[in-house]
């Protein structure tokens, strides 16, 4: 009787020893998860509110740029300053909304 219980324990531990690495290997082949799916999907983009705020700020920056160009008349240096200010604002907005 003792020999059979030792034999069963050895057989069971051999089964566990072989099945655990097999499960881990099959999980690697199937994308690295063992049937675990995330409950939420995570998005690292900007939120809808932030995008709407960014669009409003872009609109205001374009409006200020047009006003700046109107005040410059035909002075190329003034127009260059307006363009530089506008491009910097757009870069800052891009950084803020990402």
Protein backbone atom coordinates (compact mmCIF):
# COMPACT_ATOMS: atom_id res chain seq x y z
CA UNK A 1 0.00 0.00 0.00
CA UNK A 2 2.79 2.42 0.83
CA UNK A 3 4.51 1.77 -2.49
CA UNK A 4 1.40 2.64 -4.50
CA UNK A 5 0.89 5.99 -2.71
CA UNK A 6 4.56 6.87 -3.30
CA UNK A 7 4.14 5.86 -6.94
CA UNK A 8 1.01 8.02 -7.31
CA UNK A 9 2.74 10.99 -5.66
CA UNK A 10 5.74 10.61 -8.00
CA UNK A 11 3.46 10.29 -11.03
CA UNK A 12 1.48 13.37 -9.97
CA UNK A 13 4.62 15.46 -9.42
CA UNK A 14 5.95 14.33 -12.84
CA UNK A 15 2.66 15.42 -14.39
CA UNK A 16 2.91 18.86 -12.72
CA UNK A 17 6.56 19.14 -13.64
CA UNK A 18 5.73 18.59 -17.32
CA UNK A 19 2.43 20.45 -17.57
CA UNK A 20 3.44 23.81 -16.06
CA UNK A 21 6.26 24.50 -18.56
CA UNK A 22 3.98 23.31 -21.37
CA UNK A 23 1.31 25.83 -20.30
CA UNK A 24 3.87 28.61 -20.10
CA UNK A 25 5.27 27.75 -23.52
CA UNK A 26 1.82 27.66 -25.11
CA UNK A 27 1.05 31.05 -23.56
CA UNK A 28 4.21 32.45 -25.15
CA UNK A 29 3.11 31.16 -28.52
CA UNK A 30 -0.37 32.69 -28.15
CA UNK A 31 0.78 36.23 -27.45
CA UNK A 32 2.04 35.98 -23.91
CA UNK A 33 -1.20 35.70 -21.96
CA UNK A 34 -2.65 32.62 -20.38
CA UNK A 35 -6.30 33.39 -21.00
CA UNK A 36 -6.09 36.66 -19.09
CA UNK A 37 -7.77 39.54 -20.83
CA UNK A 38 -7.63 43.10 -19.56
CA UNK A 39 -10.86 44.47 -18.18
CA UNK A 40 -10.18 47.89 -19.70
CA UNK A 41 -8.36 49.05 -22.76
CA UNK A 42 -5.95 51.88 -22.15
CA UNK A 43 -5.50 54.69 -24.62
CA UNK A 44 -2.55 57.00 -24.34
CA UNK A 45 -3.90 59.66 -26.70
CA UNK A 46 -5.47 62.92 -25.70
CA UNK A 47 -8.96 62.90 -24.26
CA UNK A 48 -11.91 64.31 -26.17
CA UNK A 49 -12.12 67.37 -23.94
CA UNK A 50 -8.45 68.10 -24.40
CA UNK A 51 -8.74 67.76 -28.19
CA UNK A 52 -11.72 70.13 -28.27
CA UNK A 53 -9.81 72.66 -26.17
CA UNK A 54 -6.84 72.30 -28.53
CA UNK A 55 -9.03 72.99 -31.57
CA UNK A 56 -10.43 76.10 -29.90
CA UNK A 57 -6.92 77.32 -29.12
CA UNK A 58 -5.84 76.64 -32.73
CA UNK A 59 -8.77 78.70 -33.96
CA UNK A 60 -7.82 81.58 -31.67
CA UNK A 61 -4.16 81.38 -32.73
CA UNK A 62 -5.15 81.54 -36.42
CA UNK A 63 -7.43 84.49 -35.69
CA UNK A 64 -4.63 86.35 -33.87
CA UNK A 65 -2.25 85.56 -36.73
CA UNK A 66 -4.64 87.09 -39.28
CA UNK A 67 -5.07 90.18 -37.10
CA UNK A 68 -1.32 90.46 -36.74
CA UNK A 69 -0.90 90.28 -40.54
CA UNK A 70 -3.53 93.00 -40.99
CA UNK A 71 -1.65 95.32 -38.63
CA UNK A 72 1.63 94.67 -40.43
CA UNK A 73 0.39 96.02 -43.76
CA UNK A 74 3.25 95.30 -46.18
CA UNK A 75 6.20 95.15 -43.80
CA UNK A 76 8.04 91.82 -44.36
CA UNK A 77 9.81 91.93 -40.97
CA UNK A 78 6.51 92.32 -39.16
CA UNK A 79 4.94 89.48 -41.16
CA UNK A 80 7.93 87.29 -40.31
CA UNK A 81 7.42 88.00 -36.59
CA UNK A 82 3.75 87.10 -36.89
CA UNK A 83 4.58 83.84 -38.67
CA UNK A 84 7.21 82.97 -36.07
CA UNK A 85 4.80 83.64 -33.19
CA UNK A 86 2.08 81.59 -34.89
CA UNK A 87 4.36 78.62 -35.53
CA UNK A 88 5.58 78.64 -31.91
CA UNK A 89 2.01 78.70 -30.64
CA UNK A 90 1.09 75.79 -32.89
CA UNK A 91 4.10 73.80 -31.65
CA UNK A 92 3.10 74.51 -28.05
CA UNK A 93 -0.48 73.44 -28.76
CA UNK A 94 0.73 70.24 -30.39
CA UNK A 95 2.82 69.46 -27.32
CA UNK A 96 -0.08 70.20 -24.95
CA UNK A 97 -2.64 68.07 -26.80
CA UNK A 98 -0.40 65.01 -27.17
